[in-house]
Amino acid sequence: MSGGPAGRGQRKKQPWGGVRPFSIKTKLGALVVVSVLITTGLSVIAVHTKTELRFITVFSMIATLLITQFVAHSLTAPLDDMNAVARSISHGDYTRRVRESRRDELGDLAQTINVMADELEAQDSQRKELVANVSHELRTPIAGLRAVLENIVDGVTKADPETMRTALKQTERLGRLVETLLDLSRLDNGVVPLRKRRFEVWPYLSGVLKEANMVASARASMASGSGSHTRTDVHLHLDVSPPELVVHADPERIHQVVANLIDNAVKHSPPHGRVTVRARQGSEPESLELEVLDEGPGIPRTEWHRVFERFNRGSVNRPHGPGSDGGTGLGLAIARWAVDLHGGRIGVAESERGCRILITLPGPSSVPS
């Protein structure tokens, strides 16, 4: 057994097809034929050499038993390996695999067990990633809602309609995230419906930036009692041109993209830095080109292809600004997932300073791939 296949997740069962040259039936038939030939040959020798029949019988039995033991061992040894791997899988260890060196029915069975182990391991990994993604997303509305309620309780703000509308928006977003968590079947199958509609970009992004500031303040208040710190010194700037810009997309998914990109940019910003969210008209009607720029250390070009991988936190000397918590390495992966659902593109772009993330969303006439 090995620790895992080299091409895990890409294994395909390839049956030998037709009549196997080394099938178990062939081996058992050969065993019978060889035993008969040995017995017959020894009997002929006994007749010609006038050897006693009892000696021929003993020699024949010994030879037959040795051959039978050899064939039996070749059949039972892989079954022991399969049993050990199956027992490990039943205990939640999906890393062990069965050797696939045979060209018979047991070889096909080994391939089937390994394919099953690959699929179970992939499903277990997807389940863990889903829980991590949802946990990461639930923190934002919970922190925003807590900030609003704490400000009302402490008398910092009044429970006016605007404040309560902000709390209601966070509660509604929290409910939508919980609904997404409960809809595991569609997520596992990659079938997540997009609720696209037309909306104005400026007021929408203004609300996202306002919520980001509230979340930062809430995290700062929660972290102050434990001696840790979070970023509240970074200025968020919104640049939308033209101001009446309209886009056709799923607002909830776009919120995931922008909120995670802002959170990532703030963590990498220097003290009293600036994060800019810039929106422009795309090449098609109601399409969008969105940029998030920071003034941090930037991302090395060699890491551009890896920044959107799950759990990747970068490899720069100081990957996060002072007081950041480092994150879970899921924000950019979630952003890419939401952009891919729209059939758009997301990537790191050239920038004279800091990091520049460029998102392109197609218009309603484009069909997501």
Protein backbone atom coordinates (compact mmCIF):
# COMPACT_ATOMS: atom_id res chain seq x y z
CA MET A 1 0.00 0.00 0.00
CA SER A 2 1.12 3.54 -0.70
CA GLY A 3 0.38 6.80 1.05
CA GLY A 4 -1.74 8.07 -1.87
CA PRO A 5 -1.90 8.11 -5.63
CA ALA A 6 0.22 10.49 -7.59
CA GLY A 7 -2.69 11.73 -9.63
CA ARG A 8 -5.36 11.77 -6.95
CA GLY A 9 -8.74 12.88 -8.22
CA GLN A 10 -7.83 12.00 -11.82
CA ARG A 11 -7.82 8.21 -11.54
CA LYS A 12 -10.02 6.39 -14.02
CA LYS A 13 -10.86 2.74 -13.95
CA GLN A 14 -9.49 1.06 -17.06
CA PRO A 15 -10.68 -2.56 -17.24
CA TRP A 16 -8.56 -4.86 -19.30
CA GLY A 17 -11.58 -5.75 -21.45
CA GLY A 18 -12.40 -9.06 -23.09
CA VAL A 19 -10.87 -12.25 -21.71
CA ARG A 20 -8.06 -11.48 -19.28
CA PRO A 21 -4.88 -13.40 -20.05
CA PHE A 22 -4.21 -13.81 -16.31
CA SER A 23 -7.71 -14.11 -14.87
CA ILE A 24 -8.44 -16.06 -11.73
CA LYS A 25 -10.32 -18.68 -13.75
CA THR A 26 -7.27 -19.15 -15.96
CA LYS A 27 -5.00 -19.55 -12.94
CA LEU A 28 -7.28 -22.09 -11.28
CA GLY A 29 -7.59 -24.01 -14.53
CA ALA A 30 -3.82 -23.99 -14.94
CA LEU A 31 -3.46 -25.28 -11.37
CA VAL A 32 -5.68 -28.29 -12.14
CA VAL A 33 -3.90 -28.99 -15.42
CA VAL A 34 -0.44 -28.75 -13.84
CA SER A 35 -1.48 -31.03 -10.96
CA VAL A 36 -2.81 -33.63 -13.38
CA LEU A 37 0.31 -33.41 -15.53
CA ILE A 38 2.59 -33.83 -12.52
CA THR A 39 0.66 -36.85 -11.27
CA THR A 40 0.53 -38.40 -14.74
CA GLY A 41 4.22 -37.75 -15.38
CA LEU A 42 5.29 -39.27 -12.08
CA SER A 43 3.07 -42.29 -12.72
CA VAL A 44 4.68 -42.85 -16.11
CA ILE A 45 8.12 -42.53 -14.56
CA ALA A 46 7.14 -45.01 -11.85
CA VAL A 47 6.03 -47.55 -14.45
CA HIS A 48 9.25 -47.27 -16.46
CA THR A 49 11.56 -47.22 -13.44
CA LYS A 50 9.57 -49.74 -11.41
CA THR A 51 9.39 -47.27 -8.51
CA GLU A 52 6.90 -48.05 -5.76
CA LEU A 53 3.57 -46.28 -6.20
CA ARG A 54 3.52 -44.93 -2.68
CA PHE A 55 6.63 -42.83 -3.30
CA ILE A 56 5.11 -41.45 -6.49
CA THR A 57 1.93 -40.59 -4.61
CA VAL A 58 3.87 -38.74 -1.89
CA PHE A 59 5.92 -36.78 -4.39
CA SER A 60 2.80 -35.94 -6.39
CA MET A 61 0.97 -34.66 -3.29
CA ILE A 62 3.93 -32.53 -2.17
CA ALA A 63 4.34 -30.94 -5.61
CA THR A 64 0.61 -30.26 -5.91
CA LEU A 65 0.43 -28.72 -2.43
CA LEU A 66 3.40 -26.43 -3.13
CA ILE A 67 1.86 -25.17 -6.35
CA THR A 68 -1.55 -24.76 -4.70
CA GLN A 69 0.03 -22.80 -1.80
CA PHE A 70 1.78 -20.48 -4.25
CA VAL A 71 -1.43 -19.79 -6.20
CA ALA A 72 -3.49 -19.36 -3.00
CA HIS A 73 -1.01 -16.86 -1.60
CA SER A 74 -1.09 -14.85 -4.82
CA LEU A 75 -4.89 -14.67 -4.49
CA THR A 76 -5.24 -13.98 -0.77
CA ALA A 77 -2.40 -11.44 -0.32
CA PRO A 78 -4.16 -8.65 -2.30
CA LEU A 79 -7.41 -9.45 -0.48
CA ASP A 80 -5.63 -8.77 2.82
CA ASP A 81 -4.41 -5.42 1.46
CA MET A 82 -7.92 -4.54 0.29
CA ASN A 83 -9.37 -5.48 3.65
CA ALA A 84 -6.85 -3.24 5.44
CA VAL A 85 -7.58 -0.30 3.12
CA ALA A 86 -11.35 -0.79 3.44
CA ARG A 87 -11.03 -0.85 7.23
CA SER A 88 -9.04 2.41 7.13
CA ILE A 89 -11.69 4.04 4.93
CA SER A 90 -14.43 2.96 7.33
CA HIS A 91 -12.51 4.76 10.11
CA GLY A 92 -12.26 7.99 8.10
CA ASP A 93 -8.73 7.59 6.71
CA TYR A 94 -9.00 8.19 2.95
CA THR A 95 -5.27 8.42 2.24
CA ARG A 96 -4.42 4.72 1.90
CA ARG A 97 -4.59 2.98 -1.47
CA VAL A 98 -4.33 -0.57 -2.84
CA ARG A 99 -1.52 -1.55 -5.21
CA GLU A 100 -2.75 -1.99 -8.78
CA SER A 101 -0.10 -4.31 -10.21
CA ARG A 102 -2.41 -7.19 -11.12
CA ARG A 103 -4.15 -7.87 -14.43
CA ASP A 104 -7.08 -9.93 -13.23
CA GLU A 105 -10.39 -9.54 -11.39
CA LEU A 106 -8.55 -8.58 -8.20
CA GLY A 107 -6.72 -5.84 -10.12
CA ASP A 108 -10.08 -4.44 -11.26
CA LEU A 109 -11.35 -4.62 -7.67
CA ALA A 110 -8.25 -2.75 -6.47
CA GLN A 111 -8.92 -0.02 -9.05
CA THR A 112 -12.54 0.23 -7.92
CA ILE A 113 -11.54 0.56 -4.25
CA ASN A 114 -8.98 3.25 -5.10
CA VAL A 115 -11.52 5.21 -7.17
CA MET A 116 -13.98 4.97 -4.28
CA ALA A 117 -11.30 6.21 -1.86
CA ASP A 118 -10.47 9.13 -4.20
CA GLU A 119 -14.12 10.16 -4.41
CA LEU A 120 -14.67 9.86 -0.65
CA GLU A 121 -11.52 11.89 0.03
CA ALA A 122 -12.65 14.58 -2.44
CA GLN A 123 -16.12 14.73 -0.88
CA ASP A 124 -14.66 14.97 2.62
CA SER A 125 -12.36 17.78 1.50
CA GLN A 126 -15.27 19.61 -0.16
CA ARG A 127 -17.36 19.26 2.98
CA LYS A 128 -14.61 20.73 5.15
CA GLU A 129 -14.01 23.55 2.68
CA LEU A 130 -17.73 24.30 2.55
CA VAL A 131 -17.95 24.57 6.32
CA ALA A 132 -14.86 26.81 6.36
CA ASN A 133 -16.29 29.01 3.57
CA VAL A 134 -19.65 29.43 5.24
CA SER A 135 -18.04 30.12 8.63
CA HIS A 136 -15.87 32.75 6.98
CA GLU A 137 -18.90 34.38 5.36
CA LEU A 138 -21.06 34.31 8.51
CA ARG A 139 -18.57 36.45 10.43
CA THR A 140 -19.25 39.57 8.36
CA PRO A 141 -23.02 39.99 8.88
CA ILE A 142 -22.76 38.87 12.51
CA ALA A 143 -20.06 41.45 13.24
CA GLY A 144 -22.01 44.18 11.41
CA LEU A 145 -25.22 43.37 13.24
CA ARG A 146 -23.42 43.31 16.57
CA ALA A 147 -21.86 46.70 15.84
CA VAL A 148 -25.27 48.26 15.14
CA LEU A 149 -26.88 46.78 18.24
CA GLU A 150 -23.95 47.70 20.51
CA ASN A 151 -24.04 51.30 19.28
CA ILE A 152 -27.76 51.48 20.05
CA VAL A 153 -27.36 49.91 23.50
CA ASP A 154 -24.40 52.18 24.38
CA GLY A 155 -26.28 55.25 23.22
CA VAL A 156 -23.79 56.07 20.48
CA THR A 157 -26.54 56.00 17.86
CA LYS A 158 -30.29 56.13 18.07
CA ALA A 159 -32.61 53.44 16.88
CA ASP A 160 -33.72 55.56 13.94
CA PRO A 161 -35.14 54.00 10.77
CA GLU A 162 -31.83 54.25 8.87
CA THR A 163 -29.88 52.43 11.60
CA MET A 164 -32.52 49.74 11.89
CA ARG A 165 -32.55 49.32 8.11
CA THR A 166 -28.81 48.67 8.26
CA ALA A 167 -29.37 46.05 10.97
CA LEU A 168 -32.20 44.53 8.91
CA LYS A 169 -29.93 44.25 5.85
CA GLN A 170 -27.34 42.38 7.90
CA THR A 171 -30.02 40.08 9.30
CA GLU A 172 -31.38 39.39 5.82
CA ARG A 173 -27.89 38.64 4.52
CA LEU A 174 -27.30 36.31 7.47
CA GLY A 175 -30.51 34.49 6.61
CA ARG A 176 -29.47 34.10 3.00
CA LEU A 177 -26.13 32.64 4.04
CA VAL A 178 -27.86 30.15 6.31
CA GLU A 179 -30.15 29.22 3.43
CA THR A 180 -27.08 28.60 1.28
CA LEU A 181 -25.63 26.37 4.00
CA LEU A 182 -28.81 24.29 4.16
CA ASP A 183 -28.84 23.83 0.38
CA LEU A 184 -25.89 21.45 0.40
CA SER A 185 -27.04 19.30 -2.50
CA ARG A 186 -26.92 22.12 -5.02
CA LEU A 187 -23.59 23.38 -3.71
CA ASP A 188 -22.03 19.91 -3.90
CA ASN A 189 -23.22 19.57 -7.48
CA GLY A 190 -21.97 23.02 -8.39
CA VAL A 191 -25.54 24.18 -9.15
CA VAL A 192 -25.95 27.52 -7.38
CA PRO A 193 -28.67 29.74 -8.87
CA LEU A 194 -27.83 33.34 -9.67
CA ARG A 195 -30.51 35.91 -8.87
CA LYS A 196 -29.44 38.56 -11.33
CA ARG A 197 -31.09 41.96 -11.54
CA ARG A 198 -30.27 45.49 -12.61
CA PHE A 199 -29.01 47.84 -9.90
CA GLU A 200 -27.06 51.08 -9.63
CA VAL A 201 -23.43 50.55 -8.74
CA TRP A 202 -22.73 53.73 -6.74
CA PRO A 203 -25.35 53.35 -3.95
CA TYR A 204 -24.77 49.61 -3.82
CA LEU A 205 -20.99 49.84 -3.37
CA SER A 206 -21.44 52.74 -0.94
CA GLY A 207 -23.45 50.41 1.26
CA VAL A 208 -20.81 47.68 0.99
CA LEU A 209 -18.06 50.11 2.06
CA LYS A 210 -20.20 51.38 4.93
CA GLU A 211 -20.72 47.83 6.15
CA ALA A 212 -16.98 47.16 5.83
CA ASN A 213 -16.26 50.15 8.11
CA MET A 214 -18.85 48.92 10.61
CA VAL A 215 -17.36 45.43 10.60
CA ALA A 216 -13.86 46.84 11.18
CA SER A 217 -15.12 48.88 14.13
CA ALA A 218 -16.94 45.87 15.55
CA ARG A 219 -13.85 43.67 15.27
CA ALA A 220 -11.75 46.36 16.91
CA SER A 221 -14.11 46.58 19.88
CA MET A 222 -14.23 42.79 20.22
CA ALA A 223 -10.43 42.46 20.00
CA SER A 224 -9.58 45.32 22.39
CA GLY A 225 -10.49 43.30 25.45
CA SER A 226 -8.15 40.46 24.50
CA GLY A 227 -5.09 42.62 23.88
CA SER A 228 -5.09 42.01 20.11
CA HIS A 229 -5.77 44.61 17.46
CA THR A 230 -7.52 44.95 14.14
CA ARG A 231 -7.31 47.51 11.35
CA THR A 232 -9.34 50.70 11.78
CA ASP A 233 -6.81 53.16 10.34
CA VAL A 234 -7.28 52.31 6.66
CA HIS A 235 -9.34 54.73 4.57
CA LEU A 236 -11.81 53.28 2.05
CA HIS A 237 -12.39 55.26 -1.13
CA LEU A 238 -15.05 54.66 -3.79
CA ASP A 239 -14.63 55.73 -7.41
CA VAL A 240 -17.55 55.01 -9.77
CA SER A 241 -17.68 56.45 -13.27
CA PRO A 242 -20.14 57.37 -14.56
CA PRO A 243 -22.05 57.94 -11.30
CA GLU A 244 -25.24 56.51 -12.83
CA LEU A 245 -23.47 53.26 -13.80
CA VAL A 246 -25.84 50.26 -13.87
CA VAL A 247 -24.87 46.58 -13.82
CA HIS A 248 -26.81 43.34 -14.30
CA ALA A 249 -25.61 40.77 -11.74
CA ASP A 250 -26.43 38.96 -8.51
CA PRO A 251 -26.06 41.59 -5.74
CA GLU A 252 -25.46 39.00 -3.02
CA ARG A 253 -22.59 37.35 -4.92
CA ILE A 254 -21.06 40.71 -5.82
CA HIS A 255 -21.25 41.62 -2.13
CA GLN A 256 -19.22 38.50 -1.37
CA VAL A 257 -16.61 39.52 -3.94
CA VAL A 258 -16.21 43.14 -2.85
CA ALA A 259 -16.40 42.47 0.90
CA ASN A 260 -13.72 39.78 0.75
CA LEU A 261 -11.44 41.83 -1.50
CA ILE A 262 -11.75 44.86 0.79
CA ASP A 263 -11.08 42.72 3.84
CA ASN A 264 -7.97 41.27 2.18
CA ALA A 265 -6.75 44.70 1.01
CA VAL A 266 -7.21 46.26 4.45
CA LYS A 267 -5.17 43.51 6.09
CA HIS A 268 -2.26 44.15 3.70
CA SER A 269 -2.38 47.94 3.88
CA PRO A 270 0.27 50.03 5.67
CA PRO A 271 -0.71 52.24 8.64
CA HIS A 272 -3.18 54.92 7.54
CA GLY A 273 -3.21 53.42 4.07
CA ARG A 274 -5.86 53.77 1.41
CA VAL A 275 -7.99 51.12 -0.29
CA THR A 276 -9.76 52.16 -3.49
CA VAL A 277 -12.75 50.43 -5.03
CA ARG A 278 -13.08 51.54 -8.65
CA ALA A 279 -15.99 50.66 -10.95
CA ARG A 280 -16.20 51.31 -14.69
CA GLN A 281 -18.47 50.37 -17.57
CA GLY A 282 -17.38 47.15 -19.29
CA SER A 283 -17.23 46.47 -23.00
CA GLU A 284 -20.89 45.36 -23.10
CA PRO A 285 -24.08 47.06 -21.91
CA GLU A 286 -24.63 46.58 -18.17
CA SER A 287 -21.26 44.83 -17.82
CA LEU A 288 -18.76 45.88 -15.18
CA GLU A 289 -15.04 46.27 -14.64
CA LEU A 290 -14.26 46.41 -10.95
CA GLU A 291 -10.89 47.10 -9.33
CA VAL A 292 -9.75 46.93 -5.72
CA LEU A 293 -6.40 48.60 -5.08
CA ASP A 294 -4.33 48.87 -1.90
CA GLU A 295 -0.99 50.40 -0.95
CA GLY A 296 0.52 47.33 0.66
CA PRO A 297 3.63 45.32 -0.31
CA GLY A 298 1.90 43.82 -3.34
CA ILE A 299 1.96 40.23 -4.56
CA PRO A 300 5.05 38.77 -6.27
CA ARG A 301 4.38 37.83 -9.86
CA THR A 302 5.34 34.24 -9.09
CA GLU A 303 2.37 34.08 -6.67
CA TRP A 304 -0.24 35.55 -9.01
CA HIS A 305 -1.53 32.14 -10.06
CA ARG A 306 -1.82 30.92 -6.46
CA VAL A 307 -3.50 33.80 -4.63
CA PHE A 308 -7.00 32.51 -5.39
CA GLU A 309 -6.31 29.00 -4.11
CA ARG A 310 -8.05 27.95 -0.92
CA PHE A 311 -6.09 28.44 2.31
CA ASN A 312 -3.30 30.28 0.50
CA ARG A 313 -2.02 33.19 2.62
CA GLY A 314 0.84 34.38 0.45
CA SER A 315 4.56 34.27 1.04
CA VAL A 316 5.66 37.88 1.43
CA ASN A 317 7.77 38.85 4.41
CA ARG A 318 4.94 40.70 6.15
CA PRO A 319 1.81 39.35 4.53
CA HIS A 320 -0.52 41.36 6.71
CA GLY A 321 -0.62 44.88 8.02
CA PRO A 322 -0.13 45.70 11.70
CA GLY A 323 -2.85 44.25 13.81
CA SER A 324 -4.38 41.97 11.21
CA ASP A 325 -5.36 38.46 12.19
CA GLY A 326 -3.92 36.79 9.10
CA GLY A 327 -7.26 35.43 7.94
CA THR A 328 -8.05 31.92 6.84
CA GLY A 329 -6.89 32.13 3.24
CA LEU A 330 -10.46 31.75 1.96
CA GLY A 331 -11.50 35.28 1.03
CA LEU A 332 -9.98 35.36 -2.45
CA ALA A 333 -11.10 31.80 -3.15
CA ILE A 334 -14.68 32.79 -2.33
CA ALA A 335 -14.36 35.87 -4.55
CA ARG A 336 -13.18 33.76 -7.49
CA TRP A 337 -16.04 31.30 -6.93
CA ALA A 338 -18.64 34.11 -7.06
CA VAL A 339 -17.07 35.67 -10.17
CA ASP A 340 -16.93 32.29 -11.92
CA LEU A 341 -20.65 31.84 -11.30
CA HIS A 342 -21.24 35.01 -13.34
CA GLY A 343 -19.00 33.79 -16.14
CA GLY A 344 -16.56 36.60 -15.39
CA ARG A 345 -12.83 36.82 -14.78
CA ILE A 346 -10.79 37.78 -11.73
CA GLY A 347 -7.05 38.12 -11.40
CA VAL A 348 -4.09 40.15 -10.21
CA ALA A 349 -3.23 43.04 -12.55
CA GLU A 350 -0.18 45.24 -13.01
CA SER A 351 0.11 48.07 -10.50
CA GLU A 352 2.75 50.69 -9.76
CA ARG A 353 2.11 50.32 -6.03
CA GLY A 354 0.50 47.73 -3.83
CA CYS A 355 -1.89 45.11 -5.18
CA ARG A 356 -4.54 45.55 -7.86
CA ILE A 357 -7.31 42.98 -8.28
CA LEU A 358 -9.28 43.28 -11.51
CA ILE A 359 -12.76 41.77 -11.95
CA THR A 360 -14.65 41.69 -15.25
CA LEU A 361 -18.34 40.77 -15.26
CA PRO A 362 -20.17 40.19 -18.56
CA GLY A 363 -23.45 41.83 -19.49
CA PRO A 364 -26.85 40.10 -19.56
CA SER A 365 -26.36 39.08 -23.19
CA SER A 366 -23.42 36.82 -22.26
CA VAL A 367 -24.08 33.28 -21.08
CA PRO A 368 -21.85 32.14 -18.17
CA SER A 369 -19.69 29.17 -19.06
